[in-house]
PDB file of N, CA and C in Angstrom:
ATOM      1  N   MET A   1       5.051   0.554  29.889  1.00  0.00           N
ATOM      2  CA  MET A   1       5.784   1.396  28.517  1.00  0.00           C
ATOM      3  C   MET A   1       5.840   0.422  27.118  1.00  0.00           C
ATOM      4  N   VAL A   2       5.377   1.042  26.134  1.00  0.00           N
ATOM      5  CA  VAL A   2       5.248   0.496  24.749  1.00  0.00           C
ATOM      6  C   VAL A   2       6.732   0.160  24.212  1.00  0.00           C
ATOM      7  N   ASP A   3       6.526  -1.211  24.369  1.00  0.00           N
ATOM      8  CA  ASP A   3       7.887  -2.072  23.299  1.00  0.00           C
ATOM      9  C   ASP A   3       7.874  -1.486  21.504  1.00  0.00           C
ATOM     10  N   LEU A   4       7.775  -0.466  21.649  1.00  0.00           N
ATOM     11  CA  LEU A   4       7.808   0.108  20.285  1.00  0.00           C
ATOM     12  C   LEU A   4       8.784  -0.865  19.011  1.00  0.00           C
ATOM     13  N   GLU A   5       9.613  -1.636  19.354  1.00  0.00           N
ATOM     14  CA  GLU A   5      10.742  -2.312  18.525  1.00  0.00           C
ATOM     15  C   GLU A   5       9.532  -3.229  18.468  1.00  0.00           C
ATOM     16  N   ARG A   6       8.958  -3.988  19.028  1.00  0.00           N
ATOM     17  CA  ARG A   6       8.467  -5.108  19.367  1.00  0.00           C
ATOM     18  C   ARG A   6       6.951  -5.158  18.410  1.00  0.00           C
ATOM     19  N   ILE A   7       6.488  -3.831  18.559  1.00  0.00           N
ATOM     20  CA  ILE A   7       5.126  -3.390  18.049  1.00  0.00           C
ATOM     21  C   ILE A   7       5.494  -3.316  16.236  1.00  0.00           C
ATOM     22  N   LYS A   8       6.107  -2.621  15.609  1.00  0.00           N
ATOM     23  CA  LYS A   8       6.879  -2.638  14.759  1.00  0.00           C
ATOM     24  C   LYS A   8       7.653  -4.269  13.948  1.00  0.00           C
ATOM     25  N   ALA A   9       7.923  -4.739  14.961  1.00  0.00           N
ATOM     26  CA  ALA A   9       8.352  -6.605  14.087  1.00  0.00           C
ATOM     27  C   ALA A   9       7.460  -7.056  13.794  1.00  0.00           C
ATOM     28  N   GLU A  10       6.254  -7.297  14.908  1.00  0.00           N
ATOM     29  CA  GLU A  10       4.787  -7.622  14.513  1.00  0.00           C
ATOM     30  C   GLU A  10       4.195  -6.926  13.334  1.00  0.00           C
ATOM     31  N   THR A  11       4.276  -5.471  13.075  1.00  0.00           N
ATOM     32  CA  THR A  11       3.806  -5.251  12.330  1.00  0.00           C
ATOM     33  C   THR A  11       4.102  -5.379  10.960  1.00  0.00           C
ATOM     34  N   VAL A  12       5.151  -5.607  10.739  1.00  0.00           N
ATOM     35  CA  VAL A  12       6.107  -6.114   9.697  1.00  0.00           C
ATOM     36  C   VAL A  12       6.360  -7.359   9.504  1.00  0.00           C
ATOM     37  N   ALA A  13       6.062  -8.585  10.159  1.00  0.00           N
ATOM     38  CA  ALA A  13       6.053  -9.844  10.072  1.00  0.00           C
ATOM     39  C   ALA A  13       4.332 -10.368   9.745  1.00  0.00           C
ATOM     40  N   TYR A  14       3.767  -9.416   9.985  1.00  0.00           N
ATOM     41  CA  TYR A  14       2.005  -9.457   9.241  1.00  0.00           C
ATOM     42  C   TYR A  14       2.074  -9.112   8.078  1.00  0.00           C
ATOM     43  N   PHE A  15       2.092  -7.818   7.644  1.00  0.00           N
ATOM     44  CA  PHE A  15       2.340  -7.293   6.045  1.00  0.00           C
ATOM     45  C   PHE A  15       3.326  -8.237   5.272  1.00  0.00           C
ATOM     46  N   ARG A  16       4.482  -8.951   5.897  1.00  0.00           N
ATOM     47  CA  ARG A  16       5.360  -9.686   5.327  1.00  0.00           C
ATOM     48  C   ARG A  16       4.942 -11.041   4.926  1.00  0.00           C
ATOM     49  N   ALA A  17       3.909 -11.368   6.010  1.00  0.00           N
ATOM     50  CA  ALA A  17       3.104 -12.706   5.725  1.00  0.00           C
ATOM     51  C   ALA A  17       1.883 -12.555   4.690  1.00  0.00           C
ATOM     52  N   LEU A  18       1.395 -11.465   4.778  1.00  0.00           N
ATOM     53  CA  LEU A  18      -0.170 -11.452   3.705  1.00  0.00           C
ATOM     54  C   LEU A  18       1.091 -11.351   2.486  1.00  0.00           C
ATOM     55  N   ASP A  19       1.896 -10.526   2.105  1.00  0.00           N
ATOM     56  CA  ASP A  19       3.158 -10.609   0.850  1.00  0.00           C
ATOM     57  C   ASP A  19       2.801 -11.610  -0.034  1.00  0.00           C
ATOM     58  N   GLU A  20       3.478 -12.665   1.156  1.00  0.00           N
ATOM     59  CA  GLU A  20       4.183 -13.837   0.815  1.00  0.00           C
ATOM     60  C   GLU A  20       3.137 -14.869   0.889  1.00  0.00           C
ATOM     61  N   ALA A  21       2.183 -14.825   1.225  1.00  0.00           N
ATOM     62  CA  ALA A  21       0.818 -15.283   1.368  1.00  0.00           C
ATOM     63  C   ALA A  21      -0.256 -15.335   0.308  1.00  0.00           C
ATOM     64  N   ALA A  22      -0.230 -14.523  -0.691  1.00  0.00           N
ATOM     65  CA  ALA A  22      -0.847 -13.521  -1.523  1.00  0.00           C
ATOM     66  C   ALA A  22      -1.126 -14.960  -2.557  1.00  0.00           C
ATOM     67  N   THR A  23      -2.431 -14.878  -2.712  1.00  0.00           N
ATOM     68  CA  THR A  23      -2.918 -15.727  -4.240  1.00  0.00           C
ATOM     69  C   THR A  23      -3.440 -15.014  -5.126  1.00  0.00           C
ATOM     70  N   GLN A  24      -4.101 -13.891  -4.229  1.00  0.00           N
ATOM     71  CA  GLN A  24      -4.877 -13.131  -5.465  1.00  0.00           C
ATOM     72  C   GLN A  24      -4.560 -11.847  -5.180  1.00  0.00           C
ATOM     73  N   ARG A  25      -4.254 -10.820  -5.905  1.00  0.00           N
ATOM     74  CA  ARG A  25      -3.788  -9.553  -5.680  1.00  0.00           C
ATOM     75  C   ARG A  25      -4.560  -8.763  -6.757  1.00  0.00           C
ATOM     76  N   HIS A  26      -5.138  -6.925  -5.741  1.00  0.00           N
ATOM     77  CA  HIS A  26      -6.075  -6.755  -6.377  1.00  0.00           C
ATOM     78  C   HIS A  26      -4.800  -4.637  -6.270  1.00  0.00           C
ATOM     79  N   HIS A  27      -5.029  -4.371  -7.732  1.00  0.00           N
ATOM     80  CA  HIS A  27      -5.108  -3.427  -7.907  1.00  0.00           C
ATOM     81  C   HIS A  27      -5.493  -2.347  -8.115  1.00  0.00           C
ATOM     82  N   PHE A  28      -4.922  -0.866  -7.512  1.00  0.00           N
ATOM     83  CA  PHE A  28      -5.551   0.479  -7.451  1.00  0.00           C
ATOM     84  C   PHE A  28      -5.307   1.529  -8.185  1.00  0.00           C
ATOM     85  N   ARG A  29      -5.775   2.388  -8.548  1.00  0.00           N
ATOM     86  CA  ARG A  29      -5.226   4.111  -8.362  1.00  0.00           C
ATOM     87  C   ARG A  29      -5.713   4.969  -7.801  1.00  0.00           C
ATOM     88  N   HIS A  30      -5.057   5.897  -7.359  1.00  0.00           N
ATOM     89  CA  HIS A  30      -6.303   7.296  -6.972  1.00  0.00           C
ATOM     90  C   HIS A  30      -5.321   8.467  -7.000  1.00  0.00           C
ATOM     91  N   THR A  31      -5.886   9.775  -7.155  1.00  0.00           N
ATOM     92  CA  THR A  31      -5.794  10.765  -7.332  1.00  0.00           C
ATOM     93  C   THR A  31      -5.754  11.419  -6.417  1.00  0.00           C
ATOM     94  N   ASP A  32      -4.942  12.185  -5.731  1.00  0.00           N
ATOM     95  CA  ASP A  32      -5.245  13.329  -4.413  1.00  0.00           C
ATOM     96  C   ASP A  32      -5.606  14.626  -4.816  1.00  0.00           C
ATOM     97  N   GLU A  33      -5.330  14.775  -3.745  1.00  0.00           N
ATOM     98  CA  GLU A  33      -6.284  17.094  -3.796  1.00  0.00           C
ATOM     99  C   GLU A  33      -5.108  17.690  -4.892  1.00  0.00           C
ATOM    100  N   GLU A  34      -4.087  16.927  -4.306  1.00  0.00           N
ATOM    101  CA  GLU A  34      -2.859  17.977  -5.149  1.00  0.00           C
ATOM    102  C   GLU A  34      -1.893  17.337  -6.221  1.00  0.00           C
ATOM    103  N   GLY A  35      -3.000  16.495  -6.635  1.00  0.00           N
ATOM    104  CA  GLY A  35      -2.657  16.186  -8.165  1.00  0.00           C
ATOM    105  C   GLY A  35      -1.964  14.992  -8.325  1.00  0.00           C
ATOM    106  N   GLY A  36      -1.332  14.396  -7.188  1.00  0.00           N
ATOM    107  CA  GLY A  36      -0.574  12.825  -6.724  1.00  0.00           C
ATOM    108  C   GLY A  36      -1.549  11.983  -7.218  1.00  0.00           C
ATOM    109  N   LEU A  37      -0.369  10.748  -7.246  1.00  0.00           N
ATOM    110  CA  LEU A  37      -1.037   9.691  -7.875  1.00  0.00           C
ATOM    111  C   LEU A  37      -0.751   8.698  -7.080  1.00  0.00           C
ATOM    112  N   TRP A  38      -1.969   7.897  -5.986  1.00  0.00           N
ATOM    113  CA  TRP A  38      -1.796   6.607  -5.676  1.00  0.00           C
ATOM    114  C   TRP A  38      -1.357   5.750  -5.956  1.00  0.00           C
ATOM    115  N   TYR A  39      -0.815   4.487  -5.904  1.00  0.00           N
ATOM    116  CA  TYR A  39      -1.032   2.925  -6.611  1.00  0.00           C
ATOM    117  C   TYR A  39      -0.632   2.368  -5.102  1.00  0.00           C
ATOM    118  N   ILE A  40      -2.111   1.314  -5.725  1.00  0.00           N
ATOM    119  CA  ILE A  40      -1.972   0.824  -4.318  1.00  0.00           C
ATOM    120  C   ILE A  40      -2.384  -1.231  -5.059  1.00  0.00           C
ATOM    121  N   GLU A  41      -1.437  -1.975  -3.911  1.00  0.00           N
ATOM    122  CA  GLU A  41      -1.377  -3.434  -4.151  1.00  0.00           C
ATOM    123  C   GLU A  41      -2.459  -3.738  -2.764  1.00  0.00           C
ATOM    124  N   ALA A  42      -3.474  -4.497  -3.033  1.00  0.00           N
ATOM    125  CA  ALA A  42      -3.691  -5.172  -1.941  1.00  0.00           C
ATOM    126  C   ALA A  42      -4.323  -6.471  -1.960  1.00  0.00           C
ATOM    127  N   VAL A  43      -4.263  -7.150  -0.982  1.00  0.00           N
ATOM    128  CA  VAL A  43      -5.077  -8.918  -1.057  1.00  0.00           C
ATOM    129  C   VAL A  43      -5.686  -8.770   0.451  1.00  0.00           C
ATOM    130  N   SER A  44      -6.661  -9.769   0.335  1.00  0.00           N
ATOM    131  CA  SER A  44      -8.005 -10.055   1.412  1.00  0.00           C
ATOM    132  C   SER A  44      -7.880 -10.989   1.993  1.00  0.00           C
ATOM    133  N   ASP A  45      -7.774 -10.242   3.595  1.00  0.00           N
ATOM    134  CA  ASP A  45      -7.192 -10.623   4.874  1.00  0.00           C
ATOM    135  C   ASP A  45      -8.407 -10.491   5.859  1.00  0.00           C
ATOM    136  N   ARG A  46      -9.034 -11.556   5.792  1.00  0.00           N
ATOM    137  CA  ARG A  46     -10.374 -11.847   6.928  1.00  0.00           C
ATOM    138  C   ARG A  46     -11.582 -10.822   6.632  1.00  0.00           C
ATOM    139  N   GLY A  47     -12.060 -10.627   5.672  1.00  0.00           N
ATOM    140  CA  GLY A  47     -13.020 -10.395   4.745  1.00  0.00           C
ATOM    141  C   GLY A  47     -12.807  -8.761   4.104  1.00  0.00           C
ATOM    142  N   GLU A  48     -11.552  -8.960   4.269  1.00  0.00           N
ATOM    143  CA  GLU A  48     -11.060  -6.878   4.044  1.00  0.00           C
ATOM    144  C   GLU A  48      -9.946  -7.052   3.320  1.00  0.00           C
ATOM    145  N   LEU A  49      -9.904  -5.715   2.511  1.00  0.00           N
ATOM    146  CA  LEU A  49      -9.094  -5.574   1.653  1.00  0.00           C
ATOM    147  C   LEU A  49      -7.830  -4.917   2.038  1.00  0.00           C
ATOM    148  N   VAL A  50      -6.542  -5.661   2.474  1.00  0.00           N
ATOM    149  CA  VAL A  50      -5.315  -4.664   3.323  1.00  0.00           C
ATOM    150  C   VAL A  50      -4.377  -4.425   2.255  1.00  0.00           C
ATOM    151  N   VAL A  51      -4.262  -3.311   2.650  1.00  0.00           N
ATOM    152  CA  VAL A  51      -2.978  -2.714   1.935  1.00  0.00           C
ATOM    153  C   VAL A  51      -1.830  -2.963   2.225  1.00  0.00           C
ATOM    154  N   ILE A  52      -0.753  -4.087   1.058  1.00  0.00           N
ATOM    155  CA  ILE A  52       0.249  -4.722   1.006  1.00  0.00           C
ATOM    156  C   ILE A  52       1.288  -3.652   0.976  1.00  0.00           C
ATOM    157  N   LYS A  53       1.237  -2.877  -0.425  1.00  0.00           N
ATOM    158  CA  LYS A  53       2.243  -1.789  -0.940  1.00  0.00           C
ATOM    159  C   LYS A  53       1.709  -0.573  -1.974  1.00  0.00           C
ATOM    160  N   GLN A  54       2.408   0.524  -1.632  1.00  0.00           N
ATOM    161  CA  GLN A  54       1.821   1.427  -2.231  1.00  0.00           C
ATOM    162  C   GLN A  54       2.461   2.648  -2.308  1.00  0.00           C
ATOM    163  N   ALA A  55       2.477   2.963  -3.486  1.00  0.00           N
ATOM    164  CA  ALA A  55       3.388   4.381  -4.639  1.00  0.00           C
ATOM    165  C   ALA A  55       2.546   5.452  -3.923  1.00  0.00           C
ATOM    166  N   GLU A  56       3.274   6.544  -3.766  1.00  0.00           N
ATOM    167  CA  GLU A  56       3.124   7.902  -4.430  1.00  0.00           C
ATOM    168  C   GLU A  56       3.557   8.410  -5.255  1.00  0.00           C
ATOM    169  N   LEU A  57       3.073   8.981  -6.455  1.00  0.00           N
ATOM    170  CA  LEU A  57       3.777   9.538  -7.686  1.00  0.00           C
ATOM    171  C   LEU A  57       3.109  10.934  -7.183  1.00  0.00           C
ATOM    172  N   THR A  58       4.311  11.446  -6.890  1.00  0.00           N
ATOM    173  CA  THR A  58       3.666  12.965  -6.176  1.00  0.00           C
ATOM    174  C   THR A  58       3.543  14.287  -7.234  1.00  0.00           C
ATOM    175  N   SER A  59       2.367  15.713  -7.254  1.00  0.00           N
ATOM    176  CA  SER A  59       2.896  16.050  -8.466  1.00  0.00           C
ATOM    177  C   SER A  59       4.079  16.624  -9.050  1.00  0.00           C
ATOM    178  N   ALA A  60       4.857  16.491  -7.882  1.00  0.00           N
ATOM    179  CA  ALA A  60       5.837  17.067  -8.439  1.00  0.00           C
ATOM    180  C   ALA A  60       7.316  16.378  -9.001  1.00  0.00           C
ATOM    181  N   GLY A  61       6.935  15.309  -9.010  1.00  0.00           N
ATOM    182  CA  GLY A  61       7.481  13.622  -9.846  1.00  0.00           C
ATOM    183  C   GLY A  61       8.389  12.773  -8.582  1.00  0.00           C
ATOM    184  N   TYR A  62       8.130  12.844  -7.511  1.00  0.00           N
ATOM    185  CA  TYR A  62       8.831  11.717  -6.736  1.00  0.00           C
ATOM    186  C   TYR A  62       7.821  10.654  -6.592  1.00  0.00           C
ATOM    187  N   LEU A  63       8.568   9.568  -6.319  1.00  0.00           N
ATOM    188  CA  LEU A  63       8.079   8.849  -5.870  1.00  0.00           C
ATOM    189  C   LEU A  63       8.394   8.015  -4.235  1.00  0.00           C
ATOM    190  N   HIS A  64       7.269   7.738  -3.566  1.00  0.00           N
ATOM    191  CA  HIS A  64       7.756   7.102  -2.308  1.00  0.00           C
ATOM    192  C   HIS A  64       6.953   5.917  -2.270  1.00  0.00           C
ATOM    193  N   ARG A  65       7.477   5.059  -1.705  1.00  0.00           N
ATOM    194  CA  ARG A  65       7.077   3.378  -2.240  1.00  0.00           C
ATOM    195  C   ARG A  65       6.988   2.852  -0.571  1.00  0.00           C
ATOM    196  N   TYR A  66       5.882   2.166  -0.068  1.00  0.00           N
ATOM    197  CA  TYR A  66       5.545   1.852   1.096  1.00  0.00           C
ATOM    198  C   TYR A  66       5.417   0.191   1.197  1.00  0.00           C
ATOM    199  N   SER A  67       6.027  -0.541   1.824  1.00  0.00           N
ATOM    200  CA  SER A  67       5.365  -1.944   1.986  1.00  0.00           C
ATOM    201  C   SER A  67       6.164  -2.284   3.196  1.00  0.00           C
ATOM    202  N   TRP A  68       6.302  -4.252   3.520  1.00  0.00           N
ATOM    203  CA  TRP A  68       6.423  -4.333   4.637  1.00  0.00           C
ATOM    204  C   TRP A  68       8.054  -4.258   4.584  1.00  0.00           C
ATOM    205  N   GLU A  69       8.802  -3.924   3.583  1.00  0.00           N
ATOM    206  CA  GLU A  69      10.016  -3.596   3.475  1.00  0.00           C
ATOM    207  C   GLU A  69      10.740  -2.561   4.022  1.00  0.00           C
ATOM    208  N   HIS A  70       9.897  -1.304   4.127  1.00  0.00           N
ATOM    209  CA  HIS A  70       9.552   0.144   3.990  1.00  0.00           C
ATOM    210  C   HIS A  70       8.349   0.868   4.997  1.00  0.00           C
ATOM    211  N   LEU A  71       8.360   0.649   5.884  1.00  0.00           N
ATOM    212  CA  LEU A  71       6.674   0.474   6.403  1.00  0.00           C
ATOM    213  C   LEU A  71       6.500   2.410   6.502  1.00  0.00           C
ATOM    214  N   GLU A  72       7.509   3.738   6.680  1.00  0.00           N
ATOM    215  CA  GLU A  72       7.094   4.710   6.642  1.00  0.00           C
ATOM    216  C   GLU A  72       8.579   5.314   6.611  1.00  0.00           C
ATOM    217  N   ASP A  73       8.163   6.892   6.293  1.00  0.00           N
ATOM    218  CA  ASP A  73       9.133   7.849   6.346  1.00  0.00           C
ATOM    219  C   ASP A  73       8.636   8.744   6.765  1.00  0.00           C
ATOM    220  N   GLU A  74       9.871  10.199   6.403  1.00  0.00           N
ATOM    221  CA  GLU A  74       9.598  11.284   6.672  1.00  0.00           C
ATOM    222  C   GLU A  74       8.530  11.719   6.160  1.00  0.00           C
ATOM    223  N   HIS A  75       7.895  11.291   4.733  1.00  0.00           N
ATOM    224  CA  HIS A  75       7.147  11.828   3.376  1.00  0.00           C
ATOM    225  C   HIS A  75       5.565  10.690   3.977  1.00  0.00           C
ATOM    226  N   GLY A  76       5.782   9.676   4.769  1.00  0.00           N
ATOM    227  CA  GLY A  76       4.291   9.075   4.835  1.00  0.00           C
ATOM    228  C   GLY A  76       4.266   7.641   5.053  1.00  0.00           C
ATOM    229  N   GLY A  77       3.378   6.748   5.355  1.00  0.00           N
ATOM    230  CA  GLY A  77       3.563   5.499   5.453  1.00  0.00           C
ATOM    231  C   GLY A  77       2.530   4.522   4.890  1.00  0.00           C
ATOM    232  N   LEU A  78       2.769   3.736   4.889  1.00  0.00           N
ATOM    233  CA  LEU A  78       1.540   2.001   4.824  1.00  0.00           C
ATOM    234  C   LEU A  78       0.272   2.651   5.553  1.00  0.00           C
ATOM    235  N   THR A  79      -0.514   2.470   4.571  1.00  0.00           N
ATOM    236  CA  THR A  79      -1.563   2.960   4.962  1.00  0.00           C
ATOM    237  C   THR A  79      -1.978   1.387   6.360  1.00  0.00           C
ATOM    238  N   ASP A  80      -2.950   1.652   7.501  1.00  0.00           N
ATOM    239  CA  ASP A  80      -2.911   0.268   7.850  1.00  0.00           C
ATOM    240  C   ASP A  80      -4.570   0.601   8.136  1.00  0.00           C
ATOM    241  N   GLN A  81      -5.234   0.963   7.247  1.00  0.00           N
ATOM    242  CA  GLN A  81      -6.148   1.277   7.305  1.00  0.00           C
ATOM    243  C   GLN A  81      -7.227  -0.054   5.860  1.00  0.00           C
ATOM    244  N   ALA A  82      -8.249  -0.503   6.196  1.00  0.00           N
ATOM    245  CA  ALA A  82      -8.698  -1.788   5.209  1.00  0.00           C
ATOM    246  C   ALA A  82      -9.061  -0.394   4.270  1.00  0.00           C
ATOM    247  N   ILE A  83      -9.085  -0.831   2.808  1.00  0.00           N
ATOM    248  CA  ILE A  83      -9.597  -0.083   1.680  1.00  0.00           C
ATOM    249  C   ILE A  83     -11.104  -0.533   1.529  1.00  0.00           C
ATOM    250  N   ALA A  84     -11.813  -0.097   0.800  1.00  0.00           N
ATOM    251  CA  ALA A  84     -13.547  -0.113   0.345  1.00  0.00           C
ATOM    252  C   ALA A  84     -13.357  -0.495  -1.276  1.00  0.00           C
ATOM    253  N   PRO A  85     -13.063  -0.637  -2.354  1.00  0.00           N
ATOM    254  CA  PRO A  85     -13.013  -0.112  -3.312  1.00  0.00           C
ATOM    255  C   PRO A  85     -14.364   0.835  -3.454  1.00  0.00           C
ATOM    256  N   GLU A  86     -15.601   0.087  -3.375  1.00  0.00           N
ATOM    257  CA  GLU A  86     -17.029   0.403  -3.595  1.00  0.00           C
ATOM    258  C   GLU A  86     -17.165   1.727  -2.594  1.00  0.00           C
ATOM    259  N   ASP A  87     -16.359   2.174  -1.611  1.00  0.00           N
ATOM    260  CA  ASP A  87     -17.028   3.462  -0.713  1.00  0.00           C
ATOM    261  C   ASP A  87     -15.677   4.122  -1.129  1.00  0.00           C
ATOM    262  N   ASP A  88     -14.811   3.852  -1.543  1.00  0.00           N
ATOM    263  CA  ASP A  88     -13.390   4.476  -1.789  1.00  0.00           C
ATOM    264  C   ASP A  88     -13.373   5.171  -3.596  1.00  0.00           C
ATOM    265  N   PRO A  89     -12.830   6.527  -3.457  1.00  0.00           N
ATOM    266  CA  PRO A  89     -12.521   6.613  -4.725  1.00  0.00           C
ATOM    267  C   PRO A  89     -11.452   5.747  -5.606  1.00  0.00           C
ATOM    268  N   LEU A  90     -12.003   4.884  -5.992  1.00  0.00           N
ATOM    269  CA  LEU A  90     -10.609   3.984  -6.448  1.00  0.00           C
ATOM    270  C   LEU A  90     -10.298   3.303  -7.773  1.00  0.00           C
ATOM    271  N   GLU A  91     -10.048   3.840  -8.846  1.00  0.00           N
ATOM    272  CA  GLU A  91      -9.767   2.863 -10.071  1.00  0.00           C
ATOM    273  C   GLU A  91      -9.151   1.678  -9.946  1.00  0.00           C
ATOM    274  N   THR A  92     -10.022   0.725 -10.485  1.00  0.00           N
ATOM    275  CA  THR A  92      -9.220  -0.612 -10.282  1.00  0.00           C
ATOM    276  C   THR A  92      -8.646  -0.578 -11.492  1.00  0.00           C
ATOM    277  N   ILE A  93      -6.844  -0.994 -11.219  1.00  0.00           N
ATOM    278  CA  ILE A  93      -6.266  -0.846 -12.844  1.00  0.00           C
ATOM    279  C   ILE A  93      -5.406  -2.312 -13.088  1.00  0.00           C
ATOM    280  N   PRO A  94      -4.684  -2.780 -14.161  1.00  0.00           N
ATOM    281  CA  PRO A  94      -4.130  -3.269 -14.333  1.00  0.00           C
ATOM    282  C   PRO A  94      -2.956  -3.870 -13.009  1.00  0.00           C
ATOM    283  N   ALA A  95      -2.594  -5.075 -12.819  1.00  0.00           N
ATOM    284  CA  ALA A  95      -1.152  -5.804 -12.235  1.00  0.00           C
ATOM    285  C   ALA A  95      -0.244  -4.507 -12.908  1.00  0.00           C
ATOM    286  N   GLU A  96      -0.353  -4.626 -14.245  1.00  0.00           N
ATOM    287  CA  GLU A  96       1.057  -4.504 -14.965  1.00  0.00           C
ATOM    288  C   GLU A  96       0.854  -2.912 -14.642  1.00  0.00           C
ATOM    289  N   GLU A  97       0.136  -2.050 -14.740  1.00  0.00           N
ATOM    290  CA  GLU A  97       0.493  -0.627 -14.666  1.00  0.00           C
ATOM    291  C   GLU A  97       1.121   0.147 -13.553  1.00  0.00           C
ATOM    292  N   PHE A  98       0.557  -1.347 -11.650  1.00  0.00           N
ATOM    293  CA  PHE A  98       0.795  -0.897 -10.683  1.00  0.00           C
ATOM    294  C   PHE A  98       2.362  -1.404 -10.469  1.00  0.00           C
ATOM    295  N   LEU A  99       2.698  -1.926 -11.575  1.00  0.00           N
ATOM    296  CA  LEU A  99       4.537  -2.876 -11.389  1.00  0.00           C
ATOM    297  C   LEU A  99       5.409  -1.832 -11.917  1.00  0.00           C
ATOM    298  N   ARG A 100       4.936  -0.959 -13.046  1.00  0.00           N
ATOM    299  CA  ARG A 100       5.643  -0.087 -13.972  1.00  0.00           C
ATOM    300  C   ARG A 100       6.222   0.898 -12.742  1.00  0.00           C
ATOM    301  N   VAL A 101       5.393   1.316 -12.160  1.00  0.00           N
ATOM    302  CA  VAL A 101       4.994   2.300 -11.227  1.00  0.00           C
ATOM    303  C   VAL A 101       6.669   1.902  -9.906  1.00  0.00           C
ATOM    304  N   TRP A 102       5.887   0.399  -9.268  1.00  0.00           N
ATOM    305  CA  TRP A 102       6.271   0.332  -8.176  1.00  0.00           C
ATOM    306  C   TRP A 102       7.912  -0.133  -8.342  1.00  0.00           C
ATOM    307  N   THR A 103       8.322  -0.643  -9.426  1.00  0.00           N
ATOM    308  CA  THR A 103       9.596  -0.601 -10.381  1.00  0.00           C
ATOM    309  C   THR A 103      10.530   0.104 -10.951  1.00  0.00           C
ATOM    310  N   GLN A 104       9.821   1.520 -10.954  1.00  0.00           N
ATOM    311  CA  GLN A 104      10.321   2.508 -11.338  1.00  0.00           C
ATOM    312  C   GLN A 104      11.970   2.386 -10.522  1.00  0.00           C
TER     313      GLN A 104
END
């Protein structure tokens, strides 16, 4: 039997360590098919960009935030997939724009 609490604790510890140790952060925005806006904060880990914070501003105006402090809920969750800005439809944005949405 898989120990889900242990896995969750390890996941939280991983993302928290990345967030707390980050010296360089990258910020992106993405528009989904329904007109929602996704705001992403990512850091480099072992040659990949790992999302440590993401906020979804839905087309209906709802804001959902995910990080090590709140991994998931009934609306979604923090992605566990590395991103590749050169391949993914992401727009680089200033840190201030990300923080404006994140702290709403």
